[in-house]
């Protein structure tokens, strides 16, 4: 079974309700621009480093985020991925920050 793909605005509302967004890119990619509040847990480290509860995985354009969400789903986690990744989030006018911390 595959994790559900969601629209960036749906992900934004889920994040506001307390769900965690996890950016699965490398630390350098993450620092170049990420979703405000997203944790950075590179895909190779999953499922370690994740808080309990639903997880919304993302990357730049959705490929790695989708694979990460599917891996988490297969491991029994409730997981989603943002259709189009961080680029779609930014195109929707949602907050992006630069730097190594989640802000």
PDB file of N, CA and C in Angstrom:
ATOM      1  N   UNK A   1       0.838  -1.192   0.000  1.00  0.00           N
ATOM      2  CA  UNK A   1       0.000   0.000   0.000  1.00  0.00           C
ATOM      3  C   UNK A   1       0.879   1.251   0.000  1.00  0.00           C
ATOM      4  N   UNK A   2       0.445   2.256  -0.694  1.00  0.00           N
ATOM      5  CA  UNK A   2       1.220   3.492  -0.791  1.00  0.00           C
ATOM      6  C   UNK A   2       0.649   4.559   0.130  1.00  0.00           C
ATOM      7  N   UNK A   3       1.529   5.402   0.616  1.00  0.00           N
ATOM      8  CA  UNK A   3       1.108   6.529   1.451  1.00  0.00           C
ATOM      9  C   UNK A   3       0.314   7.515   0.602  1.00  0.00           C
ATOM     10  N   UNK A   4      -0.577   8.237   1.245  1.00  0.00           N
ATOM     11  CA  UNK A   4      -1.415   9.204   0.537  1.00  0.00           C
ATOM     12  C   UNK A   4      -0.613  10.436   0.126  1.00  0.00           C
ATOM     13  N   UNK A   5      -0.830  10.875  -1.110  1.00  0.00           N
ATOM     14  CA  UNK A   5      -0.232  12.109  -1.618  1.00  0.00           C
ATOM     15  C   UNK A   5      -1.213  13.238  -1.323  1.00  0.00           C
ATOM     16  N   UNK A   6      -0.720  14.321  -0.743  1.00  0.00           N
ATOM     17  CA  UNK A   6      -1.612  15.423  -0.367  1.00  0.00           C
ATOM     18  C   UNK A   6      -1.138  16.742  -0.970  1.00  0.00           C
ATOM     19  N   UNK A   7      -2.066  17.640  -1.139  1.00  0.00           N
ATOM     20  CA  UNK A   7      -1.808  18.981  -1.651  1.00  0.00           C
ATOM     21  C   UNK A   7      -1.032  19.788  -0.606  1.00  0.00           C
ATOM     22  N   UNK A   8      -0.168  20.710  -1.042  1.00  0.00           N
ATOM     23  CA  UNK A   8       0.574  21.518  -0.072  1.00  0.00           C
ATOM     24  C   UNK A   8      -0.314  22.257   0.933  1.00  0.00           C
ATOM     25  N   UNK A   9      -1.460  22.768   0.507  1.00  0.00           N
ATOM     26  CA  UNK A   9      -2.325  23.492   1.441  1.00  0.00           C
ATOM     27  C   UNK A   9      -2.928  22.560   2.489  1.00  0.00           C
ATOM     28  N   UNK A  10      -3.224  21.310   2.094  1.00  0.00           N
ATOM     29  CA  UNK A  10      -3.706  20.312   3.061  1.00  0.00           C
ATOM     30  C   UNK A  10      -2.592  20.030   4.070  1.00  0.00           C
ATOM     31  N   UNK A  11      -1.346  19.875   3.567  1.00  0.00           N
ATOM     32  CA  UNK A  11      -0.206  19.634   4.455  1.00  0.00           C
ATOM     33  C   UNK A  11      -0.011  20.793   5.423  1.00  0.00           C
ATOM     34  N   UNK A  12      -0.188  22.019   4.936  1.00  0.00           N
ATOM     35  CA  UNK A  12      -0.049  23.202   5.781  1.00  0.00           C
ATOM     36  C   UNK A  12      -1.063  23.159   6.924  1.00  0.00           C
ATOM     37  N   UNK A  13      -2.303  22.814   6.603  1.00  0.00           N
ATOM     38  CA  UNK A  13      -3.343  22.737   7.638  1.00  0.00           C
ATOM     39  C   UNK A  13      -3.055  21.598   8.613  1.00  0.00           C
ATOM     40  N   UNK A  14      -2.553  20.480   8.111  1.00  0.00           N
ATOM     41  CA  UNK A  14      -2.185  19.361   8.994  1.00  0.00           C
ATOM     42  C   UNK A  14      -1.046  19.767   9.923  1.00  0.00           C
ATOM     43  N   UNK A  15      -0.061  20.509   9.390  1.00  0.00           N
ATOM     44  CA  UNK A  15       1.045  20.986  10.214  1.00  0.00           C
ATOM     45  C   UNK A  15       0.518  21.938  11.289  1.00  0.00           C
ATOM     46  N   UNK A  16      -0.377  22.820  10.919  1.00  0.00           N
ATOM     47  CA  UNK A  16      -0.956  23.751  11.901  1.00  0.00           C
ATOM     48  C   UNK A  16      -1.715  23.006  12.995  1.00  0.00           C
ATOM     49  N   UNK A  17      -2.264  21.829  12.662  1.00  0.00           N
ATOM     50  CA  UNK A  17      -2.999  21.019  13.640  1.00  0.00           C
ATOM     51  C   UNK A  17      -2.066  20.150  14.485  1.00  0.00           C
ATOM     52  N   UNK A  18      -0.756  20.181  14.188  1.00  0.00           N
ATOM     53  CA  UNK A  18       0.200  19.471  15.023  1.00  0.00           C
ATOM     54  C   UNK A  18       0.940  18.321  14.373  1.00  0.00           C
ATOM     55  N   UNK A  19       0.619  17.975  13.126  1.00  0.00           N
ATOM     56  CA  UNK A  19       1.358  16.910  12.452  1.00  0.00           C
ATOM     57  C   UNK A  19       2.744  17.414  12.053  1.00  0.00           C
ATOM     58  N   UNK A  20       3.685  16.486  11.975  1.00  0.00           N
ATOM     59  CA  UNK A  20       5.083  16.831  11.720  1.00  0.00           C
ATOM     60  C   UNK A  20       5.418  16.676  10.239  1.00  0.00           C
ATOM     61  N   UNK A  21       6.096  17.690   9.687  1.00  0.00           N
ATOM     62  CA  UNK A  21       6.633  17.595   8.331  1.00  0.00           C
ATOM     63  C   UNK A  21       8.111  17.246   8.457  1.00  0.00           C
ATOM     64  N   UNK A  22       8.513  16.196   7.731  1.00  0.00           N
ATOM     65  CA  UNK A  22       9.896  15.743   7.747  1.00  0.00           C
ATOM     66  C   UNK A  22      10.466  15.877   6.339  1.00  0.00           C
ATOM     67  N   UNK A  23      11.529  16.679   6.222  1.00  0.00           N
ATOM     68  CA  UNK A  23      12.227  16.863   4.954  1.00  0.00           C
ATOM     69  C   UNK A  23      13.307  15.789   4.892  1.00  0.00           C
ATOM     70  N   UNK A  24      13.226  14.909   3.893  1.00  0.00           N
ATOM     71  CA  UNK A  24      14.119  13.750   3.830  1.00  0.00           C
ATOM     72  C   UNK A  24      15.356  13.983   2.959  1.00  0.00           C
ATOM     73  N   UNK A  25      15.620  15.230   2.595  1.00  0.00           N
ATOM     74  CA  UNK A  25      16.810  15.547   1.798  1.00  0.00           C
ATOM     75  C   UNK A  25      18.055  15.598   2.680  1.00  0.00           C
ATOM     76  N   UNK A  26      19.197  15.762   2.042  1.00  0.00           N
ATOM     77  CA  UNK A  26      20.459  15.897   2.774  1.00  0.00           C
ATOM     78  C   UNK A  26      20.446  17.212   3.558  1.00  0.00           C
ATOM     79  N   UNK A  27      21.285  17.331   4.584  1.00  0.00           N
ATOM     80  CA  UNK A  27      21.340  18.591   5.325  1.00  0.00           C
ATOM     81  C   UNK A  27      21.648  19.811   4.448  1.00  0.00           C
ATOM     82  N   UNK A  28      22.521  19.663   3.452  1.00  0.00           N
ATOM     83  CA  UNK A  28      22.830  20.795   2.567  1.00  0.00           C
ATOM     84  C   UNK A  28      21.614  21.198   1.736  1.00  0.00           C
ATOM     85  N   UNK A  29      20.893  20.210   1.205  1.00  0.00           N
ATOM     86  CA  UNK A  29      19.684  20.506   0.428  1.00  0.00           C
ATOM     87  C   UNK A  29      18.648  21.192   1.312  1.00  0.00           C
ATOM     88  N   UNK A  30      18.487  20.666   2.526  1.00  0.00           N
ATOM     89  CA  UNK A  30      17.536  21.223   3.493  1.00  0.00           C
ATOM     90  C   UNK A  30      17.876  22.682   3.798  1.00  0.00           C
ATOM     91  N   UNK A  31      19.159  22.958   4.030  1.00  0.00           N
ATOM     92  CA  UNK A  31      19.594  24.310   4.377  1.00  0.00           C
ATOM     93  C   UNK A  31      19.375  25.295   3.228  1.00  0.00           C
ATOM     94  N   UNK A  32      19.308  24.802   1.992  1.00  0.00           N
ATOM     95  CA  UNK A  32      19.130  25.692   0.846  1.00  0.00           C
ATOM     96  C   UNK A  32      17.708  26.234   0.745  1.00  0.00           C
ATOM     97  N   UNK A  33      16.784  25.675   1.501  1.00  0.00           N
ATOM     98  CA  UNK A  33      15.406  26.152   1.528  1.00  0.00           C
ATOM     99  C   UNK A  33      14.468  25.026   1.879  1.00  0.00           C
ATOM    100  N   UNK A  34      13.766  25.175   3.003  1.00  0.00           N
ATOM    101  CA  UNK A  34      12.858  24.125   3.457  1.00  0.00           C
ATOM    102  C   UNK A  34      11.577  24.732   4.017  1.00  0.00           C
ATOM    103  N   UNK A  35      10.596  23.874   4.194  1.00  0.00           N
ATOM    104  CA  UNK A  35       9.315  24.284   4.767  1.00  0.00           C
ATOM    105  C   UNK A  35       9.546  24.736   6.206  1.00  0.00           C
ATOM    106  N   UNK A  36       9.006  25.891   6.546  1.00  0.00           N
ATOM    107  CA  UNK A  36       9.139  26.409   7.911  1.00  0.00           C
ATOM    108  C   UNK A  36       8.615  25.373   8.900  1.00  0.00           C
ATOM    109  N   UNK A  37       9.456  25.010   9.872  1.00  0.00           N
ATOM    110  CA  UNK A  37       9.070  24.063  10.907  1.00  0.00           C
ATOM    111  C   UNK A  37       9.348  22.610  10.582  1.00  0.00           C
ATOM    112  N   UNK A  38       9.794  22.312   9.357  1.00  0.00           N
ATOM    113  CA  UNK A  38      10.064  20.923   8.975  1.00  0.00           C
ATOM    114  C   UNK A  38      11.337  20.413   9.638  1.00  0.00           C
ATOM    115  N   UNK A  39      11.297  19.170  10.107  1.00  0.00           N
ATOM    116  CA  UNK A  39      12.481  18.515  10.646  1.00  0.00           C
ATOM    117  C   UNK A  39      13.288  17.948   9.494  1.00  0.00           C
ATOM    118  N   UNK A  40      14.603  17.864   9.652  1.00  0.00           N
ATOM    119  CA  UNK A  40      15.449  17.261   8.622  1.00  0.00           C
ATOM    120  C   UNK A  40      15.908  15.894   9.097  1.00  0.00           C
ATOM    121  N   UNK A  41      15.372  14.840   8.460  1.00  0.00           N
ATOM    122  CA  UNK A  41      15.787  13.464   8.718  1.00  0.00           C
ATOM    123  C   UNK A  41      16.024  12.831   7.341  1.00  0.00           C
ATOM    124  N   UNK A  42      17.294  12.767   6.887  1.00  0.00           N
ATOM    125  CA  UNK A  42      17.566  12.207   5.567  1.00  0.00           C
ATOM    126  C   UNK A  42      16.956  10.813   5.395  1.00  0.00           C
ATOM    127  N   UNK A  43      16.521  10.517   4.174  1.00  0.00           N
ATOM    128  CA  UNK A  43      15.788   9.287   3.894  1.00  0.00           C
ATOM    129  C   UNK A  43      16.526   8.034   4.368  1.00  0.00           C
ATOM    130  N   UNK A  44      17.843   8.017   4.294  1.00  0.00           N
ATOM    131  CA  UNK A  44      18.609   6.852   4.722  1.00  0.00           C
ATOM    132  C   UNK A  44      18.568   6.598   6.217  1.00  0.00           C
ATOM    133  N   UNK A  45      18.119   7.567   6.997  1.00  0.00           N
ATOM    134  CA  UNK A  45      18.058   7.430   8.456  1.00  0.00           C
ATOM    135  C   UNK A  45      16.681   6.978   8.942  1.00  0.00           C
ATOM    136  N   UNK A  46      15.698   6.990   8.066  1.00  0.00           N
ATOM    137  CA  UNK A  46      14.339   6.629   8.483  1.00  0.00           C
ATOM    138  C   UNK A  46      14.256   5.157   8.863  1.00  0.00           C
ATOM    139  N   UNK A  47      13.415   4.787   9.815  1.00  0.00           N
ATOM    140  CA  UNK A  47      12.444   5.607  10.539  1.00  0.00           C
ATOM    141  C   UNK A  47      12.974   6.224  11.820  1.00  0.00           C
ATOM    142  N   UNK A  48      14.289   6.153  12.053  1.00  0.00           N
ATOM    143  CA  UNK A  48      14.854   6.761  13.264  1.00  0.00           C
ATOM    144  C   UNK A  48      14.659   8.269  13.259  1.00  0.00           C
ATOM    145  N   UNK A  49      14.612   8.857  14.445  1.00  0.00           N
ATOM    146  CA  UNK A  49      14.566  10.305  14.570  1.00  0.00           C
ATOM    147  C   UNK A  49      13.207  10.937  14.368  1.00  0.00           C
ATOM    148  N   UNK A  50      12.162  10.117  14.307  1.00  0.00           N
ATOM    149  CA  UNK A  50      10.831  10.673  14.081  1.00  0.00           C
ATOM    150  C   UNK A  50      10.003  10.691  15.349  1.00  0.00           C
ATOM    151  N   UNK A  51       9.267  11.758  15.575  1.00  0.00           N
ATOM    152  CA  UNK A  51       8.364  11.788  16.717  1.00  0.00           C
ATOM    153  C   UNK A  51       7.171  10.871  16.445  1.00  0.00           C
ATOM    154  N   UNK A  52       6.422  10.558  17.488  1.00  0.00           N
ATOM    155  CA  UNK A  52       5.209   9.765  17.337  1.00  0.00           C
ATOM    156  C   UNK A  52       4.162  10.553  16.566  1.00  0.00           C
ATOM    157  N   UNK A  53       3.211   9.840  16.026  1.00  0.00           N
ATOM    158  CA  UNK A  53       2.108  10.479  15.321  1.00  0.00           C
ATOM    159  C   UNK A  53       2.305  10.486  13.823  1.00  0.00           C
ATOM    160  N   UNK A  54       1.327  11.042  13.099  1.00  0.00           N
ATOM    161  CA  UNK A  54       1.413  11.098  11.642  1.00  0.00           C
ATOM    162  C   UNK A  54       2.620  11.898  11.177  1.00  0.00           C
ATOM    163  N   UNK A  55       3.171  11.486  10.039  1.00  0.00           N
ATOM    164  CA  UNK A  55       4.340  12.135   9.468  1.00  0.00           C
ATOM    165  C   UNK A  55       4.014  12.540   8.032  1.00  0.00           C
ATOM    166  N   UNK A  56       4.402  13.755   7.681  1.00  0.00           N
ATOM    167  CA  UNK A  56       4.265  14.242   6.314  1.00  0.00           C
ATOM    168  C   UNK A  56       5.680  14.371   5.760  1.00  0.00           C
ATOM    169  N   UNK A  57       6.014  13.515   4.795  1.00  0.00           N
ATOM    170  CA  UNK A  57       7.365  13.519   4.225  1.00  0.00           C
ATOM    171  C   UNK A  57       7.408  14.438   3.012  1.00  0.00           C
ATOM    172  N   UNK A  58       8.553  15.106   2.853  1.00  0.00           N
ATOM    173  CA  UNK A  58       8.739  15.966   1.685  1.00  0.00           C
ATOM    174  C   UNK A  58      10.199  15.961   1.271  1.00  0.00           C
ATOM    175  N   UNK A  59      10.429  16.446   0.055  1.00  0.00           N
ATOM    176  CA  UNK A  59      11.769  16.654  -0.492  1.00  0.00           C
ATOM    177  C   UNK A  59      11.647  17.869  -1.400  1.00  0.00           C
ATOM    178  N   UNK A  60      12.434  17.955  -2.426  1.00  0.00           N
ATOM    179  CA  UNK A  60      12.348  19.110  -3.308  1.00  0.00           C
ATOM    180  C   UNK A  60      11.124  19.051  -4.220  1.00  0.00           C
ATOM    181  N   UNK A  61      10.954  17.928  -4.933  1.00  0.00           N
ATOM    182  CA  UNK A  61       9.882  17.841  -5.925  1.00  0.00           C
ATOM    183  C   UNK A  61       8.899  16.695  -5.692  1.00  0.00           C
ATOM    184  N   UNK A  62       9.136  15.871  -4.678  1.00  0.00           N
ATOM    185  CA  UNK A  62       8.174  14.832  -4.339  1.00  0.00           C
ATOM    186  C   UNK A  62       8.634  13.401  -4.504  1.00  0.00           C
ATOM    187  N   UNK A  63       9.721  13.156  -5.229  1.00  0.00           N
ATOM    188  CA  UNK A  63      10.185  11.787  -5.458  1.00  0.00           C
ATOM    189  C   UNK A  63      10.652  11.083  -4.196  1.00  0.00           C
ATOM    190  N   UNK A  64      11.673  11.632  -3.552  1.00  0.00           N
ATOM    191  CA  UNK A  64      12.182  11.025  -2.308  1.00  0.00           C
ATOM    192  C   UNK A  64      11.161  11.086  -1.194  1.00  0.00           C
ATOM    193  N   UNK A  65      10.407  12.189  -1.141  1.00  0.00           N
ATOM    194  CA  UNK A  65       9.364  12.299  -0.120  1.00  0.00           C
ATOM    195  C   UNK A  65       8.331  11.196  -0.265  1.00  0.00           C
ATOM    196  N   UNK A  66       7.962  10.900  -1.503  1.00  0.00           N
ATOM    197  CA  UNK A  66       7.005   9.821  -1.764  1.00  0.00           C
ATOM    198  C   UNK A  66       7.567   8.469  -1.360  1.00  0.00           C
ATOM    199  N   UNK A  67       8.825   8.215  -1.702  1.00  0.00           N
ATOM    200  CA  UNK A  67       9.450   6.946  -1.314  1.00  0.00           C
ATOM    201  C   UNK A  67       9.543   6.837   0.207  1.00  0.00           C
ATOM    202  N   UNK A  68       9.909   7.932   0.868  1.00  0.00           N
ATOM    203  CA  UNK A  68      10.015   7.931   2.328  1.00  0.00           C
ATOM    204  C   UNK A  68       8.660   7.656   2.969  1.00  0.00           C
ATOM    205  N   UNK A  69       7.611   8.298   2.476  1.00  0.00           N
ATOM    206  CA  UNK A  69       6.271   8.087   3.031  1.00  0.00           C
ATOM    207  C   UNK A  69       5.831   6.642   2.822  1.00  0.00           C
ATOM    208  N   UNK A  70       6.137   6.073   1.658  1.00  0.00           N
ATOM    209  CA  UNK A  70       5.787   4.679   1.402  1.00  0.00           C
ATOM    210  C   UNK A  70       6.540   3.741   2.344  1.00  0.00           C
ATOM    211  N   UNK A  71       7.831   4.034   2.601  1.00  0.00           N
ATOM    212  CA  UNK A  71       8.616   3.227   3.548  1.00  0.00           C
ATOM    213  C   UNK A  71       8.014   3.299   4.948  1.00  0.00           C
ATOM    214  N   UNK A  72       7.657   4.504   5.359  1.00  0.00           N
ATOM    215  CA  UNK A  72       7.067   4.678   6.691  1.00  0.00           C
ATOM    216  C   UNK A  72       5.720   3.977   6.782  1.00  0.00           C
ATOM    217  N   UNK A  73       4.916   4.090   5.739  1.00  0.00           N
ATOM    218  CA  UNK A  73       3.622   3.420   5.692  1.00  0.00           C
ATOM    219  C   UNK A  73       3.808   1.907   5.817  1.00  0.00           C
ATOM    220  N   UNK A  74       4.778   1.358   5.094  1.00  0.00           N
ATOM    221  CA  UNK A  74       5.053  -0.083   5.145  1.00  0.00           C
ATOM    222  C   UNK A  74       5.542  -0.514   6.526  1.00  0.00           C
ATOM    223  N   UNK A  75       6.153   0.424   7.262  1.00  0.00           N
ATOM    224  CA  UNK A  75       6.643   0.141   8.616  1.00  0.00           C
ATOM    225  C   UNK A  75       5.550   0.337   9.670  1.00  0.00           C
ATOM    226  N   UNK A  76       4.328   0.649   9.216  1.00  0.00           N
ATOM    227  CA  UNK A  76       3.215   0.780  10.147  1.00  0.00           C
ATOM    228  C   UNK A  76       2.944   2.188  10.631  1.00  0.00           C
ATOM    229  N   UNK A  77       3.632   3.169  10.088  1.00  0.00           N
ATOM    230  CA  UNK A  77       3.406   4.565  10.480  1.00  0.00           C
ATOM    231  C   UNK A  77       2.324   5.182   9.602  1.00  0.00           C
ATOM    232  N   UNK A  78       1.593   6.136  10.150  1.00  0.00           N
ATOM    233  CA  UNK A  78       0.672   6.933   9.351  1.00  0.00           C
ATOM    234  C   UNK A  78       1.516   7.983   8.654  1.00  0.00           C
ATOM    235  N   UNK A  79       1.585   7.890   7.328  1.00  0.00           N
ATOM    236  CA  UNK A  79       2.481   8.765   6.585  1.00  0.00           C
ATOM    237  C   UNK A  79       1.796   9.321   5.344  1.00  0.00           C
ATOM    238  N   UNK A  80       2.176  10.540   5.014  1.00  0.00           N
ATOM    239  CA  UNK A  80       1.681  11.250   3.839  1.00  0.00           C
ATOM    240  C   UNK A  80       2.891  11.851   3.134  1.00  0.00           C
ATOM    241  N   UNK A  81       2.707  12.283   1.905  1.00  0.00           N
ATOM    242  CA  UNK A  81       3.741  13.032   1.210  1.00  0.00           C
ATOM    243  C   UNK A  81       3.095  14.204   0.485  1.00  0.00           C
ATOM    244  N   UNK A  82       3.853  15.287   0.370  1.00  0.00           N
ATOM    245  CA  UNK A  82       3.351  16.489  -0.292  1.00  0.00           C
ATOM    246  C   UNK A  82       3.555  16.347  -1.798  1.00  0.00           C
ATOM    247  N   UNK A  83       2.449  16.357  -2.521  1.00  0.00           N
ATOM    248  CA  UNK A  83       2.505  16.273  -3.987  1.00  0.00           C
ATOM    249  C   UNK A  83       3.279  17.475  -4.525  1.00  0.00           C
ATOM    250  N   UNK A  84       4.389  17.207  -5.208  1.00  0.00           N
ATOM    251  CA  UNK A  84       5.211  18.289  -5.756  1.00  0.00           C
ATOM    252  C   UNK A  84       6.269  18.808  -4.804  1.00  0.00           C
ATOM    253  N   UNK A  85       6.306  18.296  -3.573  1.00  0.00           N
ATOM    254  CA  UNK A  85       7.348  18.628  -2.612  1.00  0.00           C
ATOM    255  C   UNK A  85       7.417  20.097  -2.207  1.00  0.00           C
ATOM    256  N   UNK A  86       8.599  20.481  -1.768  1.00  0.00           N
ATOM    257  CA  UNK A  86       8.834  21.830  -1.273  1.00  0.00           C
ATOM    258  C   UNK A  86       8.621  22.881  -2.365  1.00  0.00           C
ATOM    259  N   UNK A  87       8.926  22.529  -3.611  1.00  0.00           N
ATOM    260  CA  UNK A  87       8.706  23.484  -4.712  1.00  0.00           C
ATOM    261  C   UNK A  87       7.226  23.810  -4.855  1.00  0.00           C
ATOM    262  N   UNK A  88       6.346  22.813  -4.739  1.00  0.00           N
ATOM    263  CA  UNK A  88       4.907  23.051  -4.827  1.00  0.00           C
ATOM    264  C   UNK A  88       4.420  23.853  -3.610  1.00  0.00           C
ATOM    265  N   UNK A  89       4.992  23.575  -2.445  1.00  0.00           N
ATOM    266  CA  UNK A  89       4.665  24.311  -1.229  1.00  0.00           C
ATOM    267  C   UNK A  89       4.984  25.794  -1.438  1.00  0.00           C
ATOM    268  N   UNK A  90       6.176  26.073  -1.940  1.00  0.00           N
ATOM    269  CA  UNK A  90       6.600  27.457  -2.172  1.00  0.00           C
ATOM    270  C   UNK A  90       5.728  28.108  -3.247  1.00  0.00           C
ATOM    271  N   UNK A  91       5.405  27.372  -4.312  1.00  0.00           N
ATOM    272  CA  UNK A  91       4.566  27.906  -5.387  1.00  0.00           C
ATOM    273  C   UNK A  91       3.167  28.252  -4.884  1.00  0.00           C
ATOM    274  N   UNK A  92       2.732  27.572  -3.820  1.00  0.00           N
ATOM    275  CA  UNK A  92       1.419  27.850  -3.226  1.00  0.00           C
ATOM    276  C   UNK A  92       1.469  29.065  -2.293  1.00  0.00           C
ATOM    277  N   UNK A  93       2.668  29.672  -2.161  1.00  0.00           N
ATOM    278  CA  UNK A  93       2.803  30.864  -1.326  1.00  0.00           C
ATOM    279  C   UNK A  93       2.960  30.563   0.150  1.00  0.00           C
ATOM    280  N   UNK A  94       3.318  29.316   0.478  1.00  0.00           N
ATOM    281  CA  UNK A  94       3.487  28.918   1.876  1.00  0.00           C
ATOM    282  C   UNK A  94       4.930  29.166   2.316  1.00  0.00           C
ATOM    283  N   UNK A  95       5.167  29.301   3.640  1.00  0.00           N
ATOM    284  CA  UNK A  95       6.479  29.741   4.133  1.00  0.00           C
ATOM    285  C   UNK A  95       7.635  28.758   3.938  1.00  0.00           C
ATOM    286  N   UNK A  96       8.721  29.310   3.391  1.00  0.00           N
ATOM    287  CA  UNK A  96       9.991  28.597   3.191  1.00  0.00           C
ATOM    288  C   UNK A  96      11.061  29.379   3.945  1.00  0.00           C
ATOM    289  N   UNK A  97      11.981  28.669   4.577  1.00  0.00           N
ATOM    290  CA  UNK A  97      13.102  29.329   5.246  1.00  0.00           C
ATOM    291  C   UNK A  97      14.414  28.696   4.776  1.00  0.00           C
ATOM    292  N   UNK A  98      15.493  29.420   4.960  1.00  0.00           N
ATOM    293  CA  UNK A  98      16.821  28.925   4.601  1.00  0.00           C
ATOM    294  C   UNK A  98      17.646  28.778   5.876  1.00  0.00           C
ATOM    295  N   UNK A  99      18.592  27.855   5.845  1.00  0.00           N
ATOM    296  CA  UNK A  99      19.451  27.621   6.992  1.00  0.00           C
ATOM    297  C   UNK A  99      19.265  26.218   7.545  1.00  0.00           C
ATOM    298  N   UNK A 100      20.139  25.823   8.461  1.00  0.00           N
ATOM    299  CA  UNK A 100      20.138  24.449   8.953  1.00  0.00           C
ATOM    300  C   UNK A 100      19.087  24.099  10.003  1.00  0.00           C
ATOM    301  N   UNK A 101      18.450  25.071  10.618  1.00  0.00           N
ATOM    302  CA  UNK A 101      17.491  24.744  11.675  1.00  0.00           C
ATOM    303  C   UNK A 101      16.057  24.817  11.165  1.00  0.00           C
ATOM    304  N   UNK A 102      15.106  24.130  11.856  1.00  0.00           N
ATOM    305  CA  UNK A 102      13.741  24.072  11.347  1.00  0.00           C
ATOM    306  C   UNK A 102      12.944  25.363  11.403  1.00  0.00           C
ATOM    307  N   UNK A 103      13.341  26.351  12.203  1.00  0.00           N
ATOM    308  CA  UNK A 103      12.611  27.623  12.362  1.00  0.00           C
ATOM    309  C   UNK A 103      11.118  27.362  12.499  1.00  0.00           C
TER     310      UNK A 103
END
